[in-house]
Amino acid sequence: MTTYSSELKDSILTKLLAPNNVGVPQLAAQTGIPRDTLYGRRREAL
C-alpha cells in the first residue's frame, strides 16, 4: 500500500473539488494515482 503525503492529498483534493473540477480519470493519468483511490478521497471529502 502506497502512502501519500498530506500536502499531496490536499493538492489532489483541491483539483478534484469545485471550482477546478478536474475529472478523476484525467487526474489519475496525470499523477499515476489509481482511479479508485481518487474516487475514495473525493467521496470522503464530500
C-alpha atoms as a PDB file:
ATOM      1  CA  MET A   1       0.000   0.000   0.000  1.00  0.00           C
ATOM      2  CA  THR A   2       1.338   3.386  -1.013  1.00  0.00           C
ATOM      3  CA  THR A   3       1.103   6.272   1.410  1.00  0.00           C
ATOM      4  CA  TYR A   4       0.800   9.829   0.182  1.00  0.00           C
ATOM      5  CA  SER A   5       1.886  12.973   2.000  1.00  0.00           C
ATOM      6  CA  SER A   6      -0.761  15.263   3.402  1.00  0.00           C
ATOM      7  CA  GLU A   7       0.421  18.008   1.046  1.00  0.00           C
ATOM      8  CA  LEU A   8      -0.168  15.778  -1.969  1.00  0.00           C
ATOM      9  CA  LYS A   9      -3.587  14.729  -0.660  1.00  0.00           C
ATOM     10  CA  ASP A  10      -4.565  18.375  -0.186  1.00  0.00           C
ATOM     11  CA  SER A  11      -3.416  19.372  -3.653  1.00  0.00           C
ATOM     12  CA  ILE A  12      -5.282  16.437  -5.231  1.00  0.00           C
ATOM     13  CA  LEU A  13      -8.493  17.334  -3.394  1.00  0.00           C
ATOM     14  CA  THR A  14      -8.127  20.950  -4.487  1.00  0.00           C
ATOM     15  CA  LYS A  15      -8.006  19.779  -8.084  1.00  0.00           C
ATOM     16  CA  LEU A  16     -10.931  17.361  -7.690  1.00  0.00           C
ATOM     17  CA  LEU A  17     -13.359  19.719  -5.983  1.00  0.00           C
ATOM     18  CA  ALA A  18     -15.000  22.942  -7.160  1.00  0.00           C
ATOM     19  CA  PRO A  19     -14.092  25.327  -8.704  1.00  0.00           C
ATOM     20  CA  ASN A  20     -11.427  23.251 -10.514  1.00  0.00           C
ATOM     21  CA  ASN A  21     -13.398  20.015 -11.040  1.00  0.00           C
ATOM     22  CA  VAL A  22     -10.693  18.057 -12.847  1.00  0.00           C
ATOM     23  CA  GLY A  23     -12.020  14.631 -13.821  1.00  0.00           C
ATOM     24  CA  VAL A  24     -10.803  11.613 -11.879  1.00  0.00           C
ATOM     25  CA  PRO A  25      -9.613   9.688 -14.971  1.00  0.00           C
ATOM     26  CA  GLN A  26      -7.678  12.737 -16.179  1.00  0.00           C
ATOM     27  CA  LEU A  27      -6.095  13.322 -12.763  1.00  0.00           C
ATOM     28  CA  ALA A  28      -5.228   9.632 -12.441  1.00  0.00           C
ATOM     29  CA  ALA A  29      -3.413   9.784 -15.773  1.00  0.00           C
ATOM     30  CA  GLN A  30      -1.508  12.913 -14.732  1.00  0.00           C
ATOM     31  CA  THR A  31      -0.470  11.745 -11.268  1.00  0.00           C
ATOM     32  CA  GLY A  32      -0.277   7.963 -11.569  1.00  0.00           C
ATOM     33  CA  ILE A  33      -2.577   7.585  -8.550  1.00  0.00           C
ATOM     34  CA  PRO A  34      -5.174   4.834  -9.096  1.00  0.00           C
ATOM     35  CA  ARG A  35      -8.678   5.986 -10.004  1.00  0.00           C
ATOM     36  CA  ASP A  36     -10.227   4.017  -7.126  1.00  0.00           C
ATOM     37  CA  THR A  37      -8.030   5.897  -4.662  1.00  0.00           C
ATOM     38  CA  LEU A  38      -9.039   9.253  -6.127  1.00  0.00           C
ATOM     39  CA  TYR A  39     -12.738   8.375  -6.130  1.00  0.00           C
ATOM     40  CA  GLY A  40     -12.447   7.324  -2.483  1.00  0.00           C
ATOM     41  CA  ARG A  41     -10.660  10.518  -1.452  1.00  0.00           C
ATOM     42  CA  ARG A  42     -13.272  12.613  -3.223  1.00  0.00           C
ATOM     43  CA  ARG A  43     -16.105  10.680  -1.581  1.00  0.00           C
ATOM     44  CA  GLU A  44     -14.535  11.172   1.875  1.00  0.00           C
ATOM     45  CA  ALA A  45     -14.099  14.905   1.271  1.00  0.00           C
ATOM     46  CA  LEU A  46     -17.699  15.393   0.252  1.00  0.00           C
END
